[in-house]
């Protein structure tokens, strides 16, 4: 029998500009605090959690990844996993300029 318990869904597109990423994290925390319903937050967060989620060019600095991790922890959002190729975005360039990252995610909290 299908559950009739309400829940909420957010489609998220995080800022890609480095200086605006804290705005995405603030918005997520605000949305989390607005309700106690179980929450499904799906989208392009435009940030990686760990270095292995990036392939190519320079390594990602730790502070932005920590800010993202801390937001997910504060919002109690757990990763629902994924299947297929490990990276969800690539820049379309070749050689030394090639980059691919896992930016798209499906995260959920139990409320």
PDB file of N, CA and C in Angstrom:
ATOM      1  N   UNK A   1       0.833  -1.160   0.000  1.00  0.00           N
ATOM      2  CA  UNK A   1       0.000   0.000   0.000  1.00  0.00           C
ATOM      3  C   UNK A   1       0.894   1.246   0.000  1.00  0.00           C
ATOM      4  N   UNK A   2       0.642   2.204  -0.911  1.00  0.00           N
ATOM      5  CA  UNK A   2       1.448   3.427  -0.960  1.00  0.00           C
ATOM      6  C   UNK A   2       1.296   4.245   0.320  1.00  0.00           C
ATOM      7  N   UNK A   3       2.369   4.875   0.707  1.00  0.00           N
ATOM      8  CA  UNK A   3       2.354   5.736   1.895  1.00  0.00           C
ATOM      9  C   UNK A   3       1.615   7.033   1.580  1.00  0.00           C
ATOM     10  N   UNK A   4       0.881   7.517   2.536  1.00  0.00           N
ATOM     11  CA  UNK A   4       0.194   8.798   2.376  1.00  0.00           C
ATOM     12  C   UNK A   4       0.873   9.896   3.189  1.00  0.00           C
ATOM     13  N   UNK A   5       2.023   9.575   3.777  1.00  0.00           N
ATOM     14  CA  UNK A   5       2.750  10.574   4.560  1.00  0.00           C
ATOM     15  C   UNK A   5       3.269  11.673   3.632  1.00  0.00           C
ATOM     16  N   UNK A   6       3.032  12.932   3.970  1.00  0.00           N
ATOM     17  CA  UNK A   6       3.545  14.015   3.122  1.00  0.00           C
ATOM     18  C   UNK A   6       5.065  14.117   3.206  1.00  0.00           C
ATOM     19  N   UNK A   7       5.669  14.635   2.174  1.00  0.00           N
ATOM     20  CA  UNK A   7       7.085  14.893   2.116  1.00  0.00           C
ATOM     21  C   UNK A   7       7.281  16.076   1.186  1.00  0.00           C
ATOM     22  N   UNK A   8       8.471  16.567   1.098  1.00  0.00           N
ATOM     23  CA  UNK A   8       8.717  17.702   0.223  1.00  0.00           C
ATOM     24  C   UNK A   8       9.876  17.422  -0.727  1.00  0.00           C
ATOM     25  N   UNK A   9       9.819  18.072  -1.864  1.00  0.00           N
ATOM     26  CA  UNK A   9      10.814  17.911  -2.922  1.00  0.00           C
ATOM     27  C   UNK A   9      11.348  19.287  -3.299  1.00  0.00           C
ATOM     28  N   UNK A  10      12.665  19.384  -3.381  1.00  0.00           N
ATOM     29  CA  UNK A  10      13.305  20.610  -3.846  1.00  0.00           C
ATOM     30  C   UNK A  10      14.195  20.263  -5.020  1.00  0.00           C
ATOM     31  N   UNK A  11      14.023  20.982  -6.117  1.00  0.00           N
ATOM     32  CA  UNK A  11      14.942  20.914  -7.250  1.00  0.00           C
ATOM     33  C   UNK A  11      15.943  22.047  -7.076  1.00  0.00           C
ATOM     34  N   UNK A  12      17.206  21.714  -6.972  1.00  0.00           N
ATOM     35  CA  UNK A  12      18.231  22.699  -6.640  1.00  0.00           C
ATOM     36  C   UNK A  12      19.208  22.883  -7.795  1.00  0.00           C
ATOM     37  N   UNK A  13      19.529  24.120  -8.108  1.00  0.00           N
ATOM     38  CA  UNK A  13      20.631  24.437  -9.001  1.00  0.00           C
ATOM     39  C   UNK A  13      21.517  25.418  -8.253  1.00  0.00           C
ATOM     40  N   UNK A  14      22.634  24.916  -7.725  1.00  0.00           N
ATOM     41  CA  UNK A  14      23.539  25.748  -6.925  1.00  0.00           C
ATOM     42  C   UNK A  14      24.316  26.726  -7.780  1.00  0.00           C
ATOM     43  N   UNK A  15      24.661  27.842  -7.177  1.00  0.00           N
ATOM     44  CA  UNK A  15      25.491  28.822  -7.872  1.00  0.00           C
ATOM     45  C   UNK A  15      26.811  28.188  -8.283  1.00  0.00           C
ATOM     46  N   UNK A  16      27.249  28.487  -9.494  1.00  0.00           N
ATOM     47  CA  UNK A  16      28.549  27.984  -9.941  1.00  0.00           C
ATOM     48  C   UNK A  16      29.669  28.977  -9.614  1.00  0.00           C
ATOM     49  N   UNK A  17      29.323  30.252  -9.428  1.00  0.00           N
ATOM     50  CA  UNK A  17      30.322  31.263  -9.098  1.00  0.00           C
ATOM     51  C   UNK A  17      30.790  31.054  -7.659  1.00  0.00           C
ATOM     52  N   UNK A  18      32.085  30.977  -7.497  1.00  0.00           N
ATOM     53  CA  UNK A  18      32.680  30.654  -6.189  1.00  0.00           C
ATOM     54  C   UNK A  18      32.193  31.580  -5.085  1.00  0.00           C
ATOM     55  N   UNK A  19      32.153  32.875  -5.350  1.00  0.00           N
ATOM     56  CA  UNK A  19      31.773  33.833  -4.314  1.00  0.00           C
ATOM     57  C   UNK A  19      30.293  33.746  -3.942  1.00  0.00           C
ATOM     58  N   UNK A  20      29.464  33.103  -4.761  1.00  0.00           N
ATOM     59  CA  UNK A  20      28.027  32.987  -4.479  1.00  0.00           C
ATOM     60  C   UNK A  20      27.628  31.644  -3.876  1.00  0.00           C
ATOM     61  N   UNK A  21      28.533  30.685  -3.851  1.00  0.00           N
ATOM     62  CA  UNK A  21      28.203  29.362  -3.305  1.00  0.00           C
ATOM     63  C   UNK A  21      27.687  29.412  -1.870  1.00  0.00           C
ATOM     64  N   UNK A  22      28.221  30.286  -1.003  1.00  0.00           N
ATOM     65  CA  UNK A  22      27.643  30.363   0.349  1.00  0.00           C
ATOM     66  C   UNK A  22      26.144  30.704   0.343  1.00  0.00           C
ATOM     67  N   UNK A  23      25.681  31.401  -0.689  1.00  0.00           N
ATOM     68  CA  UNK A  23      24.244  31.698  -0.803  1.00  0.00           C
ATOM     69  C   UNK A  23      23.442  30.412  -1.004  1.00  0.00           C
ATOM     70  N   UNK A  24      23.975  29.484  -1.784  1.00  0.00           N
ATOM     71  CA  UNK A  24      23.310  28.190  -1.967  1.00  0.00           C
ATOM     72  C   UNK A  24      23.217  27.462  -0.641  1.00  0.00           C
ATOM     73  N   UNK A  25      24.305  27.470   0.123  1.00  0.00           N
ATOM     74  CA  UNK A  25      24.313  26.757   1.406  1.00  0.00           C
ATOM     75  C   UNK A  25      23.349  27.420   2.393  1.00  0.00           C
ATOM     76  N   UNK A  26      23.277  28.756   2.379  1.00  0.00           N
ATOM     77  CA  UNK A  26      22.320  29.461   3.244  1.00  0.00           C
ATOM     78  C   UNK A  26      20.880  29.121   2.864  1.00  0.00           C
ATOM     79  N   UNK A  27      20.609  29.087   1.574  1.00  0.00           N
ATOM     80  CA  UNK A  27      19.265  28.741   1.105  1.00  0.00           C
ATOM     81  C   UNK A  27      18.887  27.329   1.537  1.00  0.00           C
ATOM     82  N   UNK A  28      19.806  26.386   1.391  1.00  0.00           N
ATOM     83  CA  UNK A  28      19.517  25.010   1.790  1.00  0.00           C
ATOM     84  C   UNK A  28      19.197  24.923   3.279  1.00  0.00           C
ATOM     85  N   UNK A  29      19.985  25.608   4.099  1.00  0.00           N
ATOM     86  CA  UNK A  29      19.734  25.590   5.547  1.00  0.00           C
ATOM     87  C   UNK A  29      18.385  26.232   5.875  1.00  0.00           C
ATOM     88  N   UNK A  30      18.058  27.305   5.168  1.00  0.00           N
ATOM     89  CA  UNK A  30      16.767  27.963   5.362  1.00  0.00           C
ATOM     90  C   UNK A  30      15.624  27.008   5.002  1.00  0.00           C
ATOM     91  N   UNK A  31      15.732  26.352   3.862  1.00  0.00           N
ATOM     92  CA  UNK A  31      14.687  25.410   3.449  1.00  0.00           C
ATOM     93  C   UNK A  31      14.555  24.248   4.428  1.00  0.00           C
ATOM     94  N   UNK A  32      15.671  23.760   4.907  1.00  0.00           N
ATOM     95  CA  UNK A  32      15.642  22.670   5.883  1.00  0.00           C
ATOM     96  C   UNK A  32      14.884  23.090   7.145  1.00  0.00           C
ATOM     97  N   UNK A  33      15.149  24.284   7.621  1.00  0.00           N
ATOM     98  CA  UNK A  33      14.552  24.762   8.868  1.00  0.00           C
ATOM     99  C   UNK A  33      13.077  25.154   8.749  1.00  0.00           C
ATOM    100  N   UNK A  34      12.560  25.222   7.543  1.00  0.00           N
ATOM    101  CA  UNK A  34      11.164  25.630   7.354  1.00  0.00           C
ATOM    102  C   UNK A  34      10.163  24.513   7.602  1.00  0.00           C
ATOM    103  N   UNK A  35      10.618  23.263   7.658  1.00  0.00           N
ATOM    104  CA  UNK A  35       9.679  22.147   7.775  1.00  0.00           C
ATOM    105  C   UNK A  35      10.348  20.952   8.438  1.00  0.00           C
ATOM    106  N   UNK A  36       9.522  20.124   9.060  1.00  0.00           N
ATOM    107  CA  UNK A  36      10.029  18.874   9.634  1.00  0.00           C
ATOM    108  C   UNK A  36       9.664  17.673   8.772  1.00  0.00           C
ATOM    109  N   UNK A  37       9.050  17.926   7.618  1.00  0.00           N
ATOM    110  CA  UNK A  37       8.688  16.828   6.715  1.00  0.00           C
ATOM    111  C   UNK A  37       9.946  16.174   6.137  1.00  0.00           C
ATOM    112  N   UNK A  38       9.875  14.894   5.793  1.00  0.00           N
ATOM    113  CA  UNK A  38      10.985  14.277   5.055  1.00  0.00           C
ATOM    114  C   UNK A  38      11.243  15.093   3.781  1.00  0.00           C
ATOM    115  N   UNK A  39      12.523  15.192   3.413  1.00  0.00           N
ATOM    116  CA  UNK A  39      12.922  16.107   2.340  1.00  0.00           C
ATOM    117  C   UNK A  39      13.773  15.378   1.312  1.00  0.00           C
ATOM    118  N   UNK A  40      13.410  15.524   0.054  1.00  0.00           N
ATOM    119  CA  UNK A  40      14.201  15.036  -1.067  1.00  0.00           C
ATOM    120  C   UNK A  40      14.726  16.259  -1.794  1.00  0.00           C
ATOM    121  N   UNK A  41      16.035  16.387  -1.867  1.00  0.00           N
ATOM    122  CA  UNK A  41      16.678  17.548  -2.487  1.00  0.00           C
ATOM    123  C   UNK A  41      17.532  17.033  -3.648  1.00  0.00           C
ATOM    124  N   UNK A  42      17.106  17.347  -4.864  1.00  0.00           N
ATOM    125  CA  UNK A  42      17.682  16.786  -6.082  1.00  0.00           C
ATOM    126  C   UNK A  42      18.228  17.908  -6.952  1.00  0.00           C
ATOM    127  N   UNK A  43      19.394  17.701  -7.528  1.00  0.00           N
ATOM    128  CA  UNK A  43      19.842  18.695  -8.481  1.00  0.00           C
ATOM    129  C   UNK A  43      21.335  18.777  -8.663  1.00  0.00           C
ATOM    130  N   UNK A  44      21.724  19.906  -9.239  1.00  0.00           N
ATOM    131  CA  UNK A  44      23.119  20.224  -9.515  1.00  0.00           C
ATOM    132  C   UNK A  44      23.588  21.160  -8.407  1.00  0.00           C
ATOM    133  N   UNK A  45      24.333  20.619  -7.461  1.00  0.00           N
ATOM    134  CA  UNK A  45      24.802  21.395  -6.321  1.00  0.00           C
ATOM    135  C   UNK A  45      26.014  22.261  -6.686  1.00  0.00           C
ATOM    136  N   UNK A  46      26.618  21.997  -7.832  1.00  0.00           N
ATOM    137  CA  UNK A  46      27.786  22.737  -8.307  1.00  0.00           C
ATOM    138  C   UNK A  46      28.945  22.738  -7.314  1.00  0.00           C
ATOM    139  N   UNK A  47      29.110  21.621  -6.616  1.00  0.00           N
ATOM    140  CA  UNK A  47      30.245  21.455  -5.705  1.00  0.00           C
ATOM    141  C   UNK A  47      30.493  19.965  -5.522  1.00  0.00           C
ATOM    142  N   UNK A  48      31.734  19.628  -5.231  1.00  0.00           N
ATOM    143  CA  UNK A  48      32.086  18.243  -4.934  1.00  0.00           C
ATOM    144  C   UNK A  48      32.304  18.095  -3.434  1.00  0.00           C
ATOM    145  N   UNK A  49      32.212  16.864  -2.953  1.00  0.00           N
ATOM    146  CA  UNK A  49      32.395  16.581  -1.530  1.00  0.00           C
ATOM    147  C   UNK A  49      33.819  16.173  -1.191  1.00  0.00           C
ATOM    148  N   UNK A  50      34.453  15.432  -2.093  1.00  0.00           N
ATOM    149  CA  UNK A  50      35.807  14.921  -1.880  1.00  0.00           C
ATOM    150  C   UNK A  50      36.588  15.014  -3.179  1.00  0.00           C
ATOM    151  N   UNK A  51      37.897  15.031  -3.069  1.00  0.00           N
ATOM    152  CA  UNK A  51      38.769  15.217  -4.238  1.00  0.00           C
ATOM    153  C   UNK A  51      38.539  14.190  -5.336  1.00  0.00           C
ATOM    154  N   UNK A  52      38.208  12.948  -4.971  1.00  0.00           N
ATOM    155  CA  UNK A  52      38.047  11.909  -5.996  1.00  0.00           C
ATOM    156  C   UNK A  52      36.815  12.140  -6.881  1.00  0.00           C
ATOM    157  N   UNK A  53      35.971  13.118  -6.532  1.00  0.00           N
ATOM    158  CA  UNK A  53      34.819  13.448  -7.372  1.00  0.00           C
ATOM    159  C   UNK A  53      35.182  14.434  -8.482  1.00  0.00           C
ATOM    160  N   UNK A  54      36.480  14.715  -8.639  1.00  0.00           N
ATOM    161  CA  UNK A  54      36.967  15.586  -9.707  1.00  0.00           C
ATOM    162  C   UNK A  54      38.084  14.885 -10.443  1.00  0.00           C
ATOM    163  N   UNK A  55      38.045  14.979 -11.762  1.00  0.00           N
ATOM    164  CA  UNK A  55      39.075  14.409 -12.615  1.00  0.00           C
ATOM    165  C   UNK A  55      39.565  15.513 -13.541  1.00  0.00           C
ATOM    166  N   UNK A  56      40.873  15.781 -13.515  1.00  0.00           N
ATOM    167  CA  UNK A  56      41.459  16.760 -14.417  1.00  0.00           C
ATOM    168  C   UNK A  56      41.787  18.085 -13.744  1.00  0.00           C
ATOM    169  N   UNK A  57      42.685  18.808 -14.400  1.00  0.00           N
ATOM    170  CA  UNK A  57      43.152  20.132 -13.955  1.00  0.00           C
ATOM    171  C   UNK A  57      43.610  20.150 -12.512  1.00  0.00           C
ATOM    172  N   UNK A  58      43.464  21.271 -11.868  1.00  0.00           N
ATOM    173  CA  UNK A  58      43.975  21.467 -10.506  1.00  0.00           C
ATOM    174  C   UNK A  58      43.046  20.834  -9.473  1.00  0.00           C
ATOM    175  N   UNK A  59      43.613  20.345  -8.369  1.00  0.00           N
ATOM    176  CA  UNK A  59      42.752  19.805  -7.305  1.00  0.00           C
ATOM    177  C   UNK A  59      41.859  20.903  -6.719  1.00  0.00           C
ATOM    178  N   UNK A  60      40.709  20.497  -6.251  1.00  0.00           N
ATOM    179  CA  UNK A  60      39.767  21.430  -5.620  1.00  0.00           C
ATOM    180  C   UNK A  60      40.266  21.747  -4.217  1.00  0.00           C
ATOM    181  N   UNK A  61      40.259  23.034  -3.813  1.00  0.00           N
ATOM    182  CA  UNK A  61      40.662  23.377  -2.444  1.00  0.00           C
ATOM    183  C   UNK A  61      39.698  22.765  -1.422  1.00  0.00           C
ATOM    184  N   UNK A  62      40.198  22.477  -0.254  1.00  0.00           N
ATOM    185  CA  UNK A  62      39.402  21.839   0.789  1.00  0.00           C
ATOM    186  C   UNK A  62      38.279  22.719   1.361  1.00  0.00           C
ATOM    187  N   UNK A  63      38.489  24.018   1.626  1.00  0.00           N
ATOM    188  CA  UNK A  63      37.428  24.818   2.268  1.00  0.00           C
ATOM    189  C   UNK A  63      36.065  24.801   1.571  1.00  0.00           C
ATOM    190  N   UNK A  64      35.975  24.922   0.244  1.00  0.00           N
ATOM    191  CA  UNK A  64      34.640  24.862  -0.364  1.00  0.00           C
ATOM    192  C   UNK A  64      33.966  23.490  -0.198  1.00  0.00           C
ATOM    193  N   UNK A  65      34.759  22.438  -0.259  1.00  0.00           N
ATOM    194  CA  UNK A  65      34.193  21.097  -0.056  1.00  0.00           C
ATOM    195  C   UNK A  65      33.692  20.950   1.385  1.00  0.00           C
ATOM    196  N   UNK A  66      34.442  21.489   2.342  1.00  0.00           N
ATOM    197  CA  UNK A  66      34.019  21.422   3.748  1.00  0.00           C
ATOM    198  C   UNK A  66      32.733  22.212   3.976  1.00  0.00           C
ATOM    199  N   UNK A  67      32.599  23.367   3.352  1.00  0.00           N
ATOM    200  CA  UNK A  67      31.377  24.168   3.492  1.00  0.00           C
ATOM    201  C   UNK A  67      30.177  23.387   2.963  1.00  0.00           C
ATOM    202  N   UNK A  68      30.344  22.692   1.847  1.00  0.00           N
ATOM    203  CA  UNK A  68      29.281  21.866   1.275  1.00  0.00           C
ATOM    204  C   UNK A  68      28.946  20.704   2.214  1.00  0.00           C
ATOM    205  N   UNK A  69      29.979  20.001   2.678  1.00  0.00           N
ATOM    206  CA  UNK A  69      29.771  18.880   3.609  1.00  0.00           C
ATOM    207  C   UNK A  69      29.043  19.326   4.867  1.00  0.00           C
ATOM    208  N   UNK A  70      29.457  20.458   5.430  1.00  0.00           N
ATOM    209  CA  UNK A  70      28.829  20.965   6.647  1.00  0.00           C
ATOM    210  C   UNK A  70      27.360  21.306   6.424  1.00  0.00           C
ATOM    211  N   UNK A  71      27.042  21.816   5.249  1.00  0.00           N
ATOM    212  CA  UNK A  71      25.642  22.123   4.930  1.00  0.00           C
ATOM    213  C   UNK A  71      24.821  20.845   4.851  1.00  0.00           C
ATOM    214  N   UNK A  72      25.352  19.834   4.183  1.00  0.00           N
ATOM    215  CA  UNK A  72      24.625  18.568   4.083  1.00  0.00           C
ATOM    216  C   UNK A  72      24.414  17.942   5.457  1.00  0.00           C
ATOM    217  N   UNK A  73      25.415  18.042   6.310  1.00  0.00           N
ATOM    218  CA  UNK A  73      25.286  17.526   7.681  1.00  0.00           C
ATOM    219  C   UNK A  73      24.241  18.319   8.469  1.00  0.00           C
ATOM    220  N   UNK A  74      24.292  19.636   8.369  1.00  0.00           N
ATOM    221  CA  UNK A  74      23.345  20.481   9.094  1.00  0.00           C
ATOM    222  C   UNK A  74      21.910  20.224   8.644  1.00  0.00           C
ATOM    223  N   UNK A  75      21.737  19.906   7.372  1.00  0.00           N
ATOM    224  CA  UNK A  75      20.404  19.638   6.819  1.00  0.00           C
ATOM    225  C   UNK A  75      20.019  18.167   6.920  1.00  0.00           C
ATOM    226  N   UNK A  76      20.921  17.366   7.485  1.00  0.00           N
ATOM    227  CA  UNK A  76      20.689  15.927   7.657  1.00  0.00           C
ATOM    228  C   UNK A  76      20.349  15.238   6.330  1.00  0.00           C
ATOM    229  N   UNK A  77      20.992  15.680   5.262  1.00  0.00           N
ATOM    230  CA  UNK A  77      20.750  15.118   3.933  1.00  0.00           C
ATOM    231  C   UNK A  77      21.763  14.016   3.645  1.00  0.00           C
ATOM    232  N   UNK A  78      21.258  12.811   3.432  1.00  0.00           N
ATOM    233  CA  UNK A  78      22.126  11.670   3.127  1.00  0.00           C
ATOM    234  C   UNK A  78      22.063  11.373   1.639  1.00  0.00           C
ATOM    235  N   UNK A  79      23.131  10.809   1.124  1.00  0.00           N
ATOM    236  CA  UNK A  79      23.232  10.481  -0.294  1.00  0.00           C
ATOM    237  C   UNK A  79      22.430   9.218  -0.588  1.00  0.00           C
ATOM    238  N   UNK A  80      21.565   9.278  -1.580  1.00  0.00           N
ATOM    239  CA  UNK A  80      20.796   8.104  -1.978  1.00  0.00           C
ATOM    240  C   UNK A  80      21.538   7.254  -2.997  1.00  0.00           C
ATOM    241  N   UNK A  81      22.745   7.660  -3.345  1.00  0.00           N
ATOM    242  CA  UNK A  81      23.571   6.867  -4.247  1.00  0.00           C
ATOM    243  C   UNK A  81      23.268   7.149  -5.704  1.00  0.00           C
ATOM    244  N   UNK A  82      24.051   6.517  -6.555  1.00  0.00           N
ATOM    245  CA  UNK A  82      23.837   6.638  -8.000  1.00  0.00           C
ATOM    246  C   UNK A  82      24.449   5.430  -8.695  1.00  0.00           C
ATOM    247  N   UNK A  83      24.007   5.213  -9.904  1.00  0.00           N
ATOM    248  CA  UNK A  83      24.543   4.134 -10.735  1.00  0.00           C
ATOM    249  C   UNK A  83      25.070   4.745 -12.021  1.00  0.00           C
ATOM    250  N   UNK A  84      26.037   4.104 -12.598  1.00  0.00           N
ATOM    251  CA  UNK A  84      26.578   4.586 -13.861  1.00  0.00           C
ATOM    252  C   UNK A  84      27.904   5.286 -13.678  1.00  0.00           C
ATOM    253  N   UNK A  85      28.230   6.081 -14.664  1.00  0.00           N
ATOM    254  CA  UNK A  85      29.509   6.794 -14.676  1.00  0.00           C
ATOM    255  C   UNK A  85      29.614   7.697 -13.452  1.00  0.00           C
ATOM    256  N   UNK A  86      30.789   7.747 -12.842  1.00  0.00           N
ATOM    257  CA  UNK A  86      30.918   8.451 -11.566  1.00  0.00           C
ATOM    258  C   UNK A  86      30.867   9.965 -11.665  1.00  0.00           C
ATOM    259  N   UNK A  87      31.086  10.534 -12.822  1.00  0.00           N
ATOM    260  CA  UNK A  87      31.050  11.989 -12.978  1.00  0.00           C
ATOM    261  C   UNK A  87      29.774  12.388 -13.721  1.00  0.00           C
ATOM    262  N   UNK A  88      29.181  13.508 -13.324  1.00  0.00           N
ATOM    263  CA  UNK A  88      27.907  13.931 -13.919  1.00  0.00           C
ATOM    264  C   UNK A  88      28.051  15.181 -14.778  1.00  0.00           C
ATOM    265  N   UNK A  89      29.235  15.774 -14.814  1.00  0.00           N
ATOM    266  CA  UNK A  89      29.480  16.978 -15.602  1.00  0.00           C
ATOM    267  C   UNK A  89      30.882  16.927 -16.174  1.00  0.00           C
ATOM    268  N   UNK A  90      31.018  17.470 -17.398  1.00  0.00           N
ATOM    269  CA  UNK A  90      32.351  17.651 -17.987  1.00  0.00           C
ATOM    270  C   UNK A  90      32.364  18.960 -18.752  1.00  0.00           C
ATOM    271  N   UNK A  91      33.543  19.552 -18.875  1.00  0.00           N
ATOM    272  CA  UNK A  91      33.638  20.878 -19.461  1.00  0.00           C
ATOM    273  C   UNK A  91      33.748  20.878 -20.986  1.00  0.00           C
ATOM    274  N   UNK A  92      33.827  19.736 -21.628  1.00  0.00           N
ATOM    275  CA  UNK A  92      33.870  19.677 -23.090  1.00  0.00           C
ATOM    276  C   UNK A  92      35.214  20.031 -23.707  1.00  0.00           C
ATOM    277  N   UNK A  93      36.216  20.202 -22.901  1.00  0.00           N
ATOM    278  CA  UNK A  93      37.546  20.521 -23.413  1.00  0.00           C
ATOM    279  C   UNK A  93      38.385  19.257 -23.456  1.00  0.00           C
ATOM    280  N   UNK A  94      39.553  19.369 -24.079  1.00  0.00           N
ATOM    281  CA  UNK A  94      40.434  18.206 -24.196  1.00  0.00           C
ATOM    282  C   UNK A  94      41.807  18.516 -23.630  1.00  0.00           C
ATOM    283  N   UNK A  95      42.599  17.464 -23.491  1.00  0.00           N
ATOM    284  CA  UNK A  95      43.975  17.613 -23.029  1.00  0.00           C
ATOM    285  C   UNK A  95      44.062  18.117 -21.602  1.00  0.00           C
ATOM    286  N   UNK A  96      44.989  19.033 -21.353  1.00  0.00           N
ATOM    287  CA  UNK A  96      45.225  19.550 -20.008  1.00  0.00           C
ATOM    288  C   UNK A  96      44.043  20.349 -19.460  1.00  0.00           C
ATOM    289  N   UNK A  97      43.160  20.815 -20.332  1.00  0.00           N
ATOM    290  CA  UNK A  97      42.016  21.624 -19.897  1.00  0.00           C
ATOM    291  C   UNK A  97      40.778  20.788 -19.580  1.00  0.00           C
ATOM    292  N   UNK A  98      40.865  19.476 -19.792  1.00  0.00           N
ATOM    293  CA  UNK A  98      39.723  18.589 -19.550  1.00  0.00           C
ATOM    294  C   UNK A  98      39.423  18.482 -18.054  1.00  0.00           C
ATOM    295  N   UNK A  99      38.130  18.613 -17.700  1.00  0.00           N
ATOM    296  CA  UNK A  99      37.681  18.461 -16.313  1.00  0.00           C
ATOM    297  C   UNK A  99      36.333  17.750 -16.327  1.00  0.00           C
ATOM    298  N   UNK A 100      36.158  16.842 -15.373  1.00  0.00           N
ATOM    299  CA  UNK A 100      34.846  16.256 -15.119  1.00  0.00           C
ATOM    300  C   UNK A 100      34.677  16.118 -13.610  1.00  0.00           C
ATOM    301  N   UNK A 101      33.410  16.281 -13.157  1.00  0.00           N
ATOM    302  CA  UNK A 101      33.130  16.276 -11.730  1.00  0.00           C
ATOM    303  C   UNK A 101      31.770  15.650 -11.462  1.00  0.00           C
ATOM    304  N   UNK A 102      31.567  15.214 -10.232  1.00  0.00           N
ATOM    305  CA  UNK A 102      30.242  14.747  -9.807  1.00  0.00           C
ATOM    306  C   UNK A 102      29.552  15.913  -9.099  1.00  0.00           C
ATOM    307  N   UNK A 103      28.668  16.595  -9.812  1.00  0.00           N
ATOM    308  CA  UNK A 103      27.979  17.762  -9.276  1.00  0.00           C
ATOM    309  C   UNK A 103      26.505  17.495  -8.987  1.00  0.00           C
ATOM    310  N   UNK A 104      25.929  16.533  -9.675  1.00  0.00           N
ATOM    311  CA  UNK A 104      24.492  16.231  -9.544  1.00  0.00           C
ATOM    312  C   UNK A 104      24.286  15.158  -8.491  1.00  0.00           C
ATOM    313  N   UNK A 105      23.278  15.365  -7.644  1.00  0.00           N
ATOM    314  CA  UNK A 105      23.056  14.460  -6.531  1.00  0.00           C
ATOM    315  C   UNK A 105      21.582  14.348  -6.188  1.00  0.00           C
ATOM    316  N   UNK A 106      21.262  13.236  -5.520  1.00  0.00           N
ATOM    317  CA  UNK A 106      19.952  13.035  -4.919  1.00  0.00           C
ATOM    318  C   UNK A 106      20.212  12.792  -3.436  1.00  0.00           C
ATOM    319  N   UNK A 107      19.742  13.714  -2.602  1.00  0.00           N
ATOM    320  CA  UNK A 107      19.961  13.624  -1.156  1.00  0.00           C
ATOM    321  C   UNK A 107      18.592  13.640  -0.457  1.00  0.00           C
ATOM    322  N   UNK A 108      18.509  13.023   0.694  1.00  0.00           N
ATOM    323  CA  UNK A 108      17.252  12.974   1.418  1.00  0.00           C
ATOM    324  C   UNK A 108      17.469  13.038   2.924  1.00  0.00           C
ATOM    325  N   UNK A 109      16.493  13.595   3.602  1.00  0.00           N
ATOM    326  CA  UNK A 109      16.455  13.563   5.066  1.00  0.00           C
ATOM    327  C   UNK A 109      15.143  12.925   5.476  1.00  0.00           C
ATOM    328  N   UNK A 110      15.111  12.397   6.677  1.00  0.00           N
ATOM    329  CA  UNK A 110      13.891  11.769   7.170  1.00  0.00           C
ATOM    330  C   UNK A 110      12.968  12.766   7.865  1.00  0.00           C
ATOM    331  N   UNK A 111      13.362  13.997   7.850  1.00  0.00           N
ATOM    332  CA  UNK A 111      12.511  15.035   8.452  1.00  0.00           C
ATOM    333  C   UNK A 111      13.080  15.552   9.738  1.00  0.00           C
TER     334      UNK A 111
END
